[in-house]
Every structure is written in C-alpha cells, then in structure tokens.
N, C-alpha and C. Protein backbone atom coordinates (compact mmCIF):
# COMPACT_ATOMS: atom_id res chain seq x y z
N MET A 1 0.87 -1.22 0.12
CA MET A 1 0.11 0.11 -0.20
C MET A 1 0.86 1.32 0.10
N LYS A 2 1.75 0.98 0.75
CA LYS A 2 2.80 2.75 1.38
C LYS A 2 3.45 2.44 -0.54
N LYS A 3 4.13 1.50 -1.32
CA LYS A 3 4.41 1.78 -2.32
C LYS A 3 3.18 2.24 -3.78
N SER A 4 2.23 1.69 -3.21
CA SER A 4 1.32 2.49 -4.45
C SER A 4 1.26 3.58 -4.19
N LEU A 5 1.47 4.51 -3.21
CA LEU A 5 1.12 5.55 -2.66
C LEU A 5 1.76 6.80 -2.99
N ILE A 6 2.68 5.47 -2.50
CA ILE A 6 4.50 6.50 -3.08
C ILE A 6 4.60 6.96 -4.67
N THR A 7 4.70 5.75 -5.19
CA THR A 7 4.50 5.30 -6.89
C THR A 7 3.26 6.60 -7.61
N SER A 8 2.09 6.58 -6.56
CA SER A 8 1.17 7.90 -7.35
C SER A 8 1.32 9.00 -7.24
N LEU A 9 2.31 9.19 -5.81
CA LEU A 9 2.35 10.86 -5.60
C LEU A 9 3.01 10.79 -6.46
N ALA A 10 4.43 10.40 -6.68
CA ALA A 10 5.66 10.70 -7.12
C ALA A 10 5.45 10.74 -9.20
N THR A 11 3.94 9.79 -9.50
CA THR A 11 3.59 9.92 -11.17
C THR A 11 3.28 11.34 -10.50
N ILE A 12 2.08 11.55 -9.54
CA ILE A 12 1.84 13.03 -10.17
C ILE A 12 2.60 14.17 -10.36
N LEU A 13 3.44 14.56 -9.25
CA LEU A 13 4.56 14.82 -9.21
C LEU A 13 5.18 15.15 -10.42
N VAL A 14 5.69 14.40 -11.26
CA VAL A 14 6.20 14.14 -12.57
C VAL A 14 5.29 14.62 -13.74
N LEU A 15 3.67 14.43 -13.26
CA LEU A 15 2.83 15.10 -14.13
C LEU A 15 3.11 16.03 -13.97
N SER A 16 2.89 17.42 -13.01
CA SER A 16 2.34 18.48 -12.51
C SER A 16 4.12 18.95 -12.83
N ALA A 17 4.96 18.71 -12.86
CA ALA A 17 5.88 19.70 -13.42
C ALA A 17 6.25 19.62 -14.96
N THR A 18 5.62 18.33 -15.79
CA THR A 18 5.98 18.21 -17.22
C THR A 18 4.45 19.35 -17.77
N THR A 19 3.34 19.36 -16.61
CA THR A 19 2.55 20.20 -17.16
C THR A 19 2.66 21.74 -17.27
N ALA A 20 3.25 21.90 -15.85
CA ALA A 20 4.14 23.38 -15.80
C ALA A 20 4.94 24.31 -16.91
N MET A 21 6.16 22.95 -18.01
CA MET A 21 6.88 23.06 -18.04
C MET A 21 6.42 23.17 -19.25
N ALA A 22 4.89 22.75 -20.10
CA ALA A 22 4.16 22.84 -21.50
C ALA A 22 3.87 24.27 -21.14
N GLN A 23 3.59 24.28 -19.94
CA GLN A 23 2.48 25.62 -20.02
C GLN A 23 3.12 27.08 -19.98
N GLN A 24 4.90 26.47 -19.50
CA GLN A 24 5.57 27.93 -19.44
C GLN A 24 5.99 28.56 -21.19
N LYS A 25 6.11 26.73 -21.77
CA LYS A 25 6.76 26.82 -23.34
C LYS A 25 5.04 28.06 -23.78
N MET A 26 4.16 27.51 -23.79
CA MET A 26 2.77 28.11 -24.84
C MET A 26 3.16 29.47 -24.04
N ASP A 27 3.20 30.34 -22.00
CA ASP A 27 3.22 31.77 -22.43
C ASP A 27 4.24 32.06 -22.58
N GLY A 28 5.39 31.70 -23.00
CA GLY A 28 6.49 32.73 -23.82
C GLY A 28 6.11 33.10 -25.34
N MET A 29 4.38 32.17 -25.52
CA MET A 29 4.93 32.36 -27.76
C MET A 29 3.27 32.94 -27.25
N LYS A 30 2.72 33.54 -26.27
CA LYS A 30 1.84 34.98 -26.67
C LYS A 30 2.00 35.97 -26.96
N THR A 31 3.14 35.98 -26.87
CA THR A 31 3.52 37.19 -27.24
C THR A 31 4.18 37.24 -28.73
N MET A 32 4.80 35.88 -28.97
CA MET A 32 4.85 35.97 -30.52
C MET A 32 4.36 36.58 -31.60
N PRO A 33 4.42 37.65 -32.25
CA PRO A 33 3.64 37.94 -32.96
C PRO A 33 3.04 36.59 -34.24
N MET A 34 1.93 36.86 -35.03
CA MET A 34 0.92 35.55 -36.05
C MET A 34 1.37 36.12 -36.87
N GLY A 35 1.12 35.55 -38.62
CA GLY A 35 0.93 36.63 -39.52
C GLY A 35 2.69 36.07 -39.78
N LYS A 36 2.23 37.38 -40.62
CA LYS A 36 4.32 36.97 -41.26
C LYS A 36 4.59 37.63 -41.41
N PRO A 37 6.26 36.84 -41.57
CA PRO A 37 7.21 37.28 -40.96
C PRO A 37 7.60 38.91 -40.77
N ALA A 38 8.27 39.17 -39.34
CA ALA A 38 8.56 40.83 -40.30
C ALA A 38 9.80 41.48 -40.95
N ALA A 39 9.43 42.69 -40.72
CA ALA A 39 10.10 43.20 -42.75
C ALA A 39 11.34 43.03 -41.88
N GLY A 40 11.94 42.57 -42.84
CA GLY A 40 13.85 42.09 -42.38
C GLY A 40 14.00 40.82 -42.02
N GLN A 41 13.09 39.97 -41.56
CA GLN A 41 13.59 38.99 -41.07
C GLN A 41 13.50 37.53 -42.23
N THR A 42 14.66 37.67 -42.11
CA THR A 42 15.18 36.22 -43.00
C THR A 42 14.77 35.10 -43.59
N VAL A 43 13.20 34.79 -44.32
CA VAL A 43 12.42 33.46 -44.36
C VAL A 43 13.20 32.17 -45.43
N HIS A 44 13.35 31.27 -44.58
CA HIS A 44 14.46 30.11 -44.79
C HIS A 44 13.49 29.21 -45.21
N MET A 45 13.71 28.66 -46.92
CA MET A 45 13.16 27.53 -46.96
C MET A 45 13.76 26.05 -47.12
N ALA A 46 12.75 25.23 -46.70
CA ALA A 46 13.34 23.79 -47.11
C ALA A 46 11.78 22.90 -47.40
N LYS A 47 12.80 21.39 -47.17
CA LYS A 47 11.30 20.42 -47.87
C LYS A 47 12.08 19.25 -46.46
N GLY A 48 10.95 18.69 -45.90
CA GLY A 48 11.09 17.69 -44.96
C GLY A 48 9.72 16.70 -44.69
N LYS A 49 10.18 15.83 -43.77
CA LYS A 49 9.62 14.77 -43.41
C LYS A 49 8.46 15.19 -42.09
N VAL A 50 7.28 15.49 -41.86
CA VAL A 50 6.59 15.52 -40.25
C VAL A 50 6.83 14.28 -39.54
N THR A 51 8.11 14.55 -38.87
CA THR A 51 7.66 13.15 -37.90
C THR A 51 7.13 12.97 -36.52
N LYS A 52 6.66 13.92 -35.96
CA LYS A 52 6.24 14.75 -34.64
C LYS A 52 5.30 15.47 -34.55
N VAL A 53 4.21 15.24 -34.00
CA VAL A 53 3.07 16.91 -33.77
C VAL A 53 3.19 17.33 -32.54
N ASP A 54 3.12 18.17 -31.78
CA ASP A 54 2.26 18.43 -30.70
C ASP A 54 1.76 19.69 -30.90
N VAL A 55 0.62 19.18 -31.31
CA VAL A 55 -0.34 20.56 -31.10
C VAL A 55 -0.54 21.46 -29.43
N GLY A 56 -0.48 21.04 -28.62
CA GLY A 56 -0.69 21.69 -27.22
C GLY A 56 0.37 22.44 -26.91
N ALA A 57 1.43 22.25 -27.40
CA ALA A 57 3.14 22.75 -27.24
C ALA A 57 3.44 23.26 -28.30
N ASN A 58 2.48 23.74 -29.80
CA ASN A 58 2.84 24.52 -30.62
C ASN A 58 4.42 24.14 -31.15
N ILE A 59 4.46 22.74 -31.64
CA ILE A 59 5.79 22.28 -31.64
C ILE A 59 4.95 21.47 -32.48
N VAL A 60 6.20 21.25 -33.97
CA VAL A 60 6.23 20.12 -35.04
C VAL A 60 7.83 19.94 -35.18
N THR A 61 7.85 18.71 -35.16
CA THR A 61 9.54 17.88 -35.57
C THR A 61 9.19 17.24 -36.72
N LEU A 62 10.59 18.00 -38.08
CA LEU A 62 10.42 17.61 -38.84
C LEU A 62 11.70 17.06 -39.63
N ALA A 63 11.83 16.08 -40.17
CA ALA A 63 13.15 15.05 -40.87
C ALA A 63 13.46 16.51 -41.97
N HIS A 64 15.01 17.14 -42.04
CA HIS A 64 13.83 18.21 -43.51
C HIS A 64 15.52 17.94 -43.74
N GLU A 65 15.77 18.19 -45.27
CA GLU A 65 16.82 17.91 -46.18
C GLU A 65 17.30 19.17 -45.43
N PRO A 66 19.20 19.09 -46.50
CA PRO A 66 20.03 20.14 -45.72
C PRO A 66 18.74 22.02 -46.46
N VAL A 67 19.66 22.98 -45.76
CA VAL A 67 19.21 24.39 -45.70
C VAL A 67 20.31 25.41 -46.19
N LYS A 68 20.16 24.88 -47.02
CA LYS A 68 21.54 26.02 -47.52
C LYS A 68 21.44 27.21 -46.86
N SER A 69 20.54 28.34 -47.03
CA SER A 69 20.53 29.51 -46.19
C SER A 69 21.12 29.06 -45.23
N MET A 70 20.16 28.42 -44.41
CA MET A 70 21.41 28.51 -42.73
C MET A 70 22.36 27.34 -42.74
N ASN A 71 23.64 27.47 -43.50
CA ASN A 71 24.78 25.62 -43.79
C ASN A 71 24.09 24.65 -43.02
N TRP A 72 22.95 24.70 -43.06
CA TRP A 72 22.63 22.83 -42.10
C TRP A 72 22.50 21.84 -43.23
N PRO A 73 22.93 21.19 -42.02
CA PRO A 73 22.54 19.50 -42.99
C PRO A 73 21.48 19.06 -42.96
N ALA A 74 21.07 17.77 -44.04
CA ALA A 74 19.74 17.67 -43.13
C ALA A 74 19.94 16.47 -41.68
N MET A 75 18.66 16.97 -40.97
CA MET A 75 18.19 16.52 -39.47
C MET A 75 17.23 16.52 -40.00
N THR A 76 17.07 16.53 -37.82
CA THR A 76 15.94 16.21 -37.54
C THR A 76 15.43 16.94 -36.08
N MET A 77 14.46 18.54 -36.27
CA MET A 77 14.06 18.97 -35.78
C MET A 77 12.90 19.41 -35.06
N GLY A 78 12.57 20.16 -33.98
CA GLY A 78 11.43 20.30 -34.03
C GLY A 78 11.49 22.36 -33.57
N PHE A 79 10.70 22.73 -34.14
CA PHE A 79 9.86 23.60 -34.93
C PHE A 79 8.90 24.70 -34.14
N LEU A 80 8.81 25.55 -33.74
CA LEU A 80 7.64 26.31 -33.19
C LEU A 80 6.92 26.55 -34.47
N VAL A 81 5.64 26.40 -34.12
CA VAL A 81 4.38 27.28 -35.29
C VAL A 81 3.83 28.41 -35.00
N LYS A 82 4.28 28.73 -36.05
CA LYS A 82 3.77 30.41 -36.48
C LYS A 82 2.21 30.67 -35.32
N ASP A 83 1.19 29.64 -37.00
CA ASP A 83 -0.50 29.94 -37.01
C ASP A 83 -0.73 28.85 -36.86
N LYS A 84 -1.58 28.02 -35.59
CA LYS A 84 -1.99 26.96 -35.22
C LYS A 84 -2.77 26.38 -36.60
N MET A 85 -3.43 27.45 -37.38
CA MET A 85 -4.03 26.75 -38.21
C MET A 85 -3.40 25.83 -40.37
N LEU A 86 -1.32 25.41 -39.95
CA LEU A 86 -1.07 25.20 -40.07
C LEU A 86 -0.86 23.63 -39.57
N PHE A 87 -1.44 23.33 -38.91
CA PHE A 87 -1.07 22.43 -38.20
C PHE A 87 -2.37 21.09 -39.36
N ASP A 88 -3.03 21.42 -40.41
CA ASP A 88 -3.50 21.21 -41.23
C ASP A 88 -3.22 20.55 -42.00
N LYS A 89 -2.32 20.91 -42.30
CA LYS A 89 -1.22 20.11 -43.26
C LYS A 89 0.45 19.41 -42.39
N LEU A 90 0.21 19.56 -41.50
CA LEU A 90 1.54 19.04 -40.77
C LEU A 90 1.08 17.65 -40.04
N ILE A 91 0.28 16.91 -41.12
CA ILE A 91 0.33 15.50 -40.73
C ILE A 91 0.96 14.59 -40.62
N VAL A 92 1.94 14.06 -39.33
CA VAL A 92 2.13 12.86 -39.45
C VAL A 92 3.02 12.13 -40.70
N GLY A 93 4.38 11.38 -41.52
CA GLY A 93 3.84 11.04 -42.84
C GLY A 93 3.95 12.05 -44.11
N ASN A 94 3.52 13.07 -43.89
CA ASN A 94 3.87 13.98 -44.59
C ASN A 94 5.48 14.07 -45.54
N LYS A 95 5.21 14.60 -46.52
CA LYS A 95 6.62 15.60 -46.99
C LYS A 95 6.01 16.66 -47.51
N VAL A 96 6.34 17.82 -46.66
CA VAL A 96 6.27 19.45 -46.78
C VAL A 96 7.14 20.09 -47.29
N SER A 97 7.08 20.88 -48.17
CA SER A 97 7.88 22.40 -48.69
C SER A 97 7.32 23.47 -47.30
N PHE A 98 8.33 23.63 -46.23
CA PHE A 98 8.43 24.64 -45.93
C PHE A 98 9.15 26.41 -45.03
N GLU A 99 8.39 27.11 -44.89
CA GLU A 99 9.52 28.17 -44.70
C GLU A 99 9.50 28.16 -43.10
N PHE A 100 10.36 29.57 -42.64
CA PHE A 100 10.69 29.32 -40.91
C PHE A 100 11.43 30.31 -41.26
N VAL A 101 11.74 30.92 -39.62
CA VAL A 101 12.33 31.91 -39.76
C VAL A 101 12.76 32.21 -38.02
N GLN A 102 13.62 32.72 -37.52
CA GLN A 102 14.47 32.57 -36.54
C GLN A 102 13.79 33.63 -35.62
N GLU A 103 13.80 33.30 -34.60
CA GLU A 103 12.65 34.00 -34.24
C GLU A 103 13.91 34.11 -32.34
N PRO A 104 13.79 34.49 -31.48
CA PRO A 104 14.02 34.47 -30.15
C PRO A 104 13.96 33.38 -30.02
N LYS A 105 12.59 32.94 -29.04
CA LYS A 105 12.36 31.65 -28.77
C LYS A 105 12.68 30.43 -29.68
N GLY A 106 13.11 31.00 -31.00
CA GLY A 106 13.37 30.44 -31.73
C GLY A 106 12.68 29.18 -32.94
N TYR A 107 13.76 28.51 -33.95
CA TYR A 107 13.19 28.80 -35.35
C TYR A 107 11.59 28.01 -35.68
N VAL A 108 10.39 29.51 -36.63
CA VAL A 108 8.80 29.36 -36.35
C VAL A 108 8.93 29.00 -38.06
N VAL A 109 7.64 27.82 -38.08
CA VAL A 109 7.66 28.12 -38.95
C VAL A 109 6.29 28.47 -38.92
N THR A 110 7.03 28.91 -40.76
CA THR A 110 5.89 30.74 -40.73
C THR A 110 4.48 30.53 -42.45
N LYS A 111 5.22 29.29 -42.92
CA LYS A 111 4.20 28.45 -43.96
C LYS A 111 4.89 27.07 -44.30
N VAL A 112 3.33 26.40 -44.39
CA VAL A 112 3.69 25.47 -45.38
C VAL A 112 3.44 25.25 -46.58
N LYS A 113 3.51 24.19 -47.44
CA LYS A 113 2.34 23.64 -48.61
C LYS A 113 3.03 22.46 -48.76
C-alpha cells in the first residue's frame, strides 16, 4: 500500500512538473507575432517529412533536407509553429515544403505547402 501511494505521488509530481513546463513554453509564445514574418526577417525554405506533431506545445518535428541559407545539413528537429492553422498540413508522415524564420524563442514555421 505504501509503495502504491509513493508511486502515485511520484507520478503526480512528474505530471505536474511536465504540465508546468509545457505551460511556460505556451505562455512565452503568447507574445509572438502571428501572421507574416517581420520586415527584414530572413525567411528560410526547406523540404522535409513530418515526424511528430504536438499541437498543445505548438511544435512540429521535421526531418528536413539540407537548408542552404542556414548552412545546415539534413537533420530532424523541432520547430515552433506560427499559426495553429498550419497544423492542418502538418500531419505525421506528410512530406512538406515549408518556410521558417529565426526568432528569439527558436525557429518558427511560417508557411507550409
């Protein structure tokens, strides 16, 4: 019984911490401008495959080809998503062409084809 109670309490603590961290990420994105990239902001283009989608955290993971404008090799990484409507095209397994920008909080997908 004690073991079960301790396990339950540990699970609750882990879930609470995880929820708090996810909420902090989302709170930070409230100040992010929506819509088109800011004037003077460099827009990068890439192609990739959607490997994971987390709508709650506003993150998509893409296995993308090399990005010449960033001098990046092919890799798999998470991107913030500027507009939740883009998730309609960001379905696991889909191959997409996408545009992204660099913002203080990270790399942000701004357009998906």
